[in-house]
Amino acid sequence: MATRVAALVRSVSDPAVRTLGVWDAGQLSAHMTHVFEVDLDLLHERPSPLADLDDLSELVQSRVRDESTYDKEALAGRVEAAAEGFLAAAAALDGTEPRFWLGGAKVTASVLACHIVSESLVHG
């Protein structure tokens, strides 16, 4: 999925084209980058960036707003780097290891991989 998402990000000719709700293609590309990076952090058992699921929308919007610039090569590279790190870390797991997800929900490590695939299919 990372290869496909990175290729899609690189193919965007106009980052200002509206794609999803209020987001343009550049902002949606940034969101996809965040999905890969956050799930990698959670796989490594870093603290969740979200304490309450009711705040998910604001977290997502603020992260997209805080991206300094739309650089499709940089965003695509970040997707690839996060995916490579995720796969390397996941290779040492069997998928049943507990991990904290967004809002303090406890899931298995495999759910984080499923989340990446789901977000990639929905937004890709």
C-alpha atoms as a PDB file:
ATOM      1  CA  MET A   1       0.000   0.000   0.000  1.00  0.00           C
ATOM      2  CA  ALA A   2       2.837   2.394   0.784  1.00  0.00           C
ATOM      3  CA  THR A   3       4.231   2.029  -2.719  1.00  0.00           C
ATOM      4  CA  ARG A   4       0.833   2.840  -4.205  1.00  0.00           C
ATOM      5  CA  VAL A   5       0.190   5.762  -1.853  1.00  0.00           C
ATOM      6  CA  ALA A   6       3.652   7.220  -2.460  1.00  0.00           C
ATOM      7  CA  ALA A   7       3.195   6.909  -6.225  1.00  0.00           C
ATOM      8  CA  LEU A   8      -0.190   8.585  -5.983  1.00  0.00           C
ATOM      9  CA  VAL A   9       1.247  11.460  -3.929  1.00  0.00           C
ATOM     10  CA  ARG A  10       4.049  11.893  -6.454  1.00  0.00           C
ATOM     11  CA  SER A  11       1.536  11.949  -9.333  1.00  0.00           C
ATOM     12  CA  VAL A  12      -0.416  14.951  -8.056  1.00  0.00           C
ATOM     13  CA  SER A  13       0.079  17.722 -10.592  1.00  0.00           C
ATOM     14  CA  ASP A  14      -1.857  20.390  -8.692  1.00  0.00           C
ATOM     15  CA  PRO A  15      -1.851  20.167  -4.886  1.00  0.00           C
ATOM     16  CA  ALA A  16      -4.597  22.806  -4.683  1.00  0.00           C
ATOM     17  CA  VAL A  17      -7.226  20.626  -6.405  1.00  0.00           C
ATOM     18  CA  ARG A  18     -10.099  19.846  -4.001  1.00  0.00           C
ATOM     19  CA  THR A  19     -10.271  16.163  -3.213  1.00  0.00           C
ATOM     20  CA  LEU A  20     -12.080  15.426   0.039  1.00  0.00           C
ATOM     21  CA  GLY A  21     -14.409  17.778   1.895  1.00  0.00           C
ATOM     22  CA  VAL A  22     -12.393  20.884   2.669  1.00  0.00           C
ATOM     23  CA  TRP A  23      -9.047  19.248   1.833  1.00  0.00           C
ATOM     24  CA  ASP A  24      -7.092  19.696  -1.334  1.00  0.00           C
ATOM     25  CA  ALA A  25      -4.765  17.064  -2.802  1.00  0.00           C
ATOM     26  CA  GLY A  26      -1.781  18.405  -0.867  1.00  0.00           C
ATOM     27  CA  GLN A  27      -3.612  18.278   2.442  1.00  0.00           C
ATOM     28  CA  LEU A  28      -4.929  14.779   1.771  1.00  0.00           C
ATOM     29  CA  SER A  29      -1.377  13.688   0.936  1.00  0.00           C
ATOM     30  CA  ALA A  30      -0.221  15.111   4.272  1.00  0.00           C
ATOM     31  CA  HIS A  31      -2.994  13.223   6.076  1.00  0.00           C
ATOM     32  CA  MET A  32      -1.931   9.946   4.476  1.00  0.00           C
ATOM     33  CA  THR A  33       1.644  10.616   5.577  1.00  0.00           C
ATOM     34  CA  HIS A  34       0.424  11.157   9.144  1.00  0.00           C
ATOM     35  CA  VAL A  35      -1.460   7.843   9.125  1.00  0.00           C
ATOM     36  CA  PHE A  36       1.695   5.907   8.293  1.00  0.00           C
ATOM     37  CA  GLU A  37       3.811   7.849  10.801  1.00  0.00           C
ATOM     38  CA  VAL A  38       1.356   7.681  13.708  1.00  0.00           C
ATOM     39  CA  ASP A  39       0.731   3.958  13.284  1.00  0.00           C
ATOM     40  CA  LEU A  40       4.491   3.374  13.194  1.00  0.00           C
ATOM     41  CA  ASP A  41       4.830   5.329  16.451  1.00  0.00           C
ATOM     42  CA  LEU A  42       2.035   3.313  18.039  1.00  0.00           C
ATOM     43  CA  LEU A  43       3.594   0.037  16.898  1.00  0.00           C
ATOM     44  CA  HIS A  44       6.760   1.156  18.692  1.00  0.00           C
ATOM     45  CA  GLU A  45       4.582   1.825  21.768  1.00  0.00           C
ATOM     46  CA  ARG A  46       5.090   5.569  21.710  1.00  0.00           C
ATOM     47  CA  PRO A  47       2.265   7.473  23.419  1.00  0.00           C
ATOM     48  CA  SER A  48      -0.887   8.048  21.405  1.00  0.00           C
ATOM     49  CA  PRO A  49      -1.283  11.634  20.192  1.00  0.00           C
ATOM     50  CA  LEU A  50      -4.940  11.448  21.199  1.00  0.00           C
ATOM     51  CA  ALA A  51      -6.382  10.917  24.671  1.00  0.00           C
ATOM     52  CA  ASP A  52     -10.066  11.140  23.736  1.00  0.00           C
ATOM     53  CA  LEU A  53     -11.617   9.863  20.496  1.00  0.00           C
ATOM     54  CA  ASP A  54     -14.018  12.816  20.573  1.00  0.00           C
ATOM     55  CA  ASP A  55     -11.004  14.976  19.657  1.00  0.00           C
ATOM     56  CA  LEU A  56      -9.993  12.914  16.608  1.00  0.00           C
ATOM     57  CA  SER A  57     -11.359  15.351  14.037  1.00  0.00           C
ATOM     58  CA  GLU A  58      -9.517  18.302  15.568  1.00  0.00           C
ATOM     59  CA  LEU A  59      -6.271  16.322  15.834  1.00  0.00           C
ATOM     60  CA  VAL A  60      -6.439  15.307  12.174  1.00  0.00           C
ATOM     61  CA  GLN A  61      -7.311  18.845  11.046  1.00  0.00           C
ATOM     62  CA  SER A  62      -4.583  20.460  13.157  1.00  0.00           C
ATOM     63  CA  ARG A  63      -1.911  18.061  11.903  1.00  0.00           C
ATOM     64  CA  VAL A  64      -2.895  18.795   8.313  1.00  0.00           C
ATOM     65  CA  ARG A  65      -2.928  22.561   9.041  1.00  0.00           C
ATOM     66  CA  ASP A  66       0.478  22.355  10.716  1.00  0.00           C
ATOM     67  CA  GLU A  67       2.199  20.833   7.672  1.00  0.00           C
ATOM     68  CA  SER A  68       4.490  23.657   6.627  1.00  0.00           C
ATOM     69  CA  THR A  69       4.313  23.086   2.890  1.00  0.00           C
ATOM     70  CA  TYR A  70       3.092  20.612   0.327  1.00  0.00           C
ATOM     71  CA  ASP A  71       6.171  18.944  -1.097  1.00  0.00           C
ATOM     72  CA  LYS A  72       4.988  15.815  -2.844  1.00  0.00           C
ATOM     73  CA  GLU A  73       8.440  14.220  -2.963  1.00  0.00           C
ATOM     74  CA  ALA A  74       9.032  14.823   0.746  1.00  0.00           C
ATOM     75  CA  LEU A  75       5.567  13.511   1.703  1.00  0.00           C
ATOM     76  CA  ALA A  76       5.927  10.428  -0.493  1.00  0.00           C
ATOM     77  CA  GLY A  77       9.368   9.776   0.999  1.00  0.00           C
ATOM     78  CA  ARG A  78       7.928  10.019   4.503  1.00  0.00           C
ATOM     79  CA  VAL A  79       5.228   7.475   3.618  1.00  0.00           C
ATOM     80  CA  GLU A  80       7.879   5.088   2.296  1.00  0.00           C
ATOM     81  CA  ALA A  81      10.149   5.579   5.317  1.00  0.00           C
ATOM     82  CA  ALA A  82       7.318   5.031   7.803  1.00  0.00           C
ATOM     83  CA  ALA A  83       6.151   1.924   5.932  1.00  0.00           C
ATOM     84  CA  GLU A  84       9.677   0.520   5.851  1.00  0.00           C
ATOM     85  CA  GLY A  85      10.013   1.131   9.596  1.00  0.00           C
ATOM     86  CA  PHE A  86       6.604  -0.393  10.240  1.00  0.00           C
ATOM     87  CA  LEU A  87       7.390  -3.554   8.281  1.00  0.00           C
ATOM     88  CA  ALA A  88      10.786  -3.913   9.970  1.00  0.00           C
ATOM     89  CA  ALA A  89       9.236  -3.611  13.433  1.00  0.00           C
ATOM     90  CA  ALA A  90       6.293  -5.849  12.542  1.00  0.00           C
ATOM     91  CA  ALA A  91       8.614  -8.609  11.319  1.00  0.00           C
ATOM     92  CA  ALA A  92       9.595  -9.263  14.936  1.00  0.00           C
ATOM     93  CA  LEU A  93       5.955  -9.547  16.054  1.00  0.00           C
ATOM     94  CA  ASP A  94       3.213 -12.105  15.524  1.00  0.00           C
ATOM     95  CA  GLY A  95       0.470  -9.460  15.383  1.00  0.00           C
ATOM     96  CA  THR A  96      -1.260 -10.349  18.631  1.00  0.00           C
ATOM     97  CA  GLU A  97       0.817  -8.029  20.800  1.00  0.00           C
ATOM     98  CA  PRO A  98      -1.307  -5.416  22.580  1.00  0.00           C
ATOM     99  CA  ARG A  99      -0.833  -1.812  21.558  1.00  0.00           C
ATOM    100  CA  PHE A 100      -2.586   1.351  22.607  1.00  0.00           C
ATOM    101  CA  TRP A 101      -4.341   3.060  19.743  1.00  0.00           C
ATOM    102  CA  LEU A 102      -6.043   6.412  19.495  1.00  0.00           C
ATOM    103  CA  GLY A 103      -8.080   7.494  22.471  1.00  0.00           C
ATOM    104  CA  GLY A 104      -6.546   4.852  24.730  1.00  0.00           C
ATOM    105  CA  ALA A 105      -8.232   1.943  22.976  1.00  0.00           C
ATOM    106  CA  LYS A 106      -6.240  -1.258  23.284  1.00  0.00           C
ATOM    107  CA  VAL A 107      -5.818  -3.231  20.056  1.00  0.00           C
ATOM    108  CA  THR A 108      -3.456  -5.824  18.664  1.00  0.00           C
ATOM    109  CA  ALA A 109      -0.441  -4.836  16.609  1.00  0.00           C
ATOM    110  CA  SER A 110      -2.130  -6.275  13.511  1.00  0.00           C
ATOM    111  CA  VAL A 111      -4.952  -3.726  13.850  1.00  0.00           C
ATOM    112  CA  LEU A 112      -2.415  -0.960  13.220  1.00  0.00           C
ATOM    113  CA  ALA A 113      -1.481  -2.594   9.915  1.00  0.00           C
ATOM    114  CA  CYS A 114      -5.169  -2.945   9.049  1.00  0.00           C
ATOM    115  CA  HIS A 115      -5.677   0.743   9.824  1.00  0.00           C
ATOM    116  CA  ILE A 116      -2.942   1.702   7.361  1.00  0.00           C
ATOM    117  CA  VAL A 117      -4.492  -0.477   4.663  1.00  0.00           C
ATOM    118  CA  SER A 118      -7.989   0.863   5.379  1.00  0.00           C
ATOM    119  CA  GLU A 119      -6.929   4.518   5.265  1.00  0.00           C
ATOM    120  CA  SER A 120      -4.922   3.866   2.102  1.00  0.00           C
ATOM    121  CA  LEU A 121      -7.909   2.284   0.367  1.00  0.00           C
ATOM    122  CA  VAL A 122     -10.369   4.934   1.525  1.00  0.00           C
ATOM    123  CA  HIS A 123      -8.236   7.949   0.687  1.00  0.00           C
ATOM    124  CA  GLY A 124      -6.094   6.494  -2.099  1.00  0.00           C
END
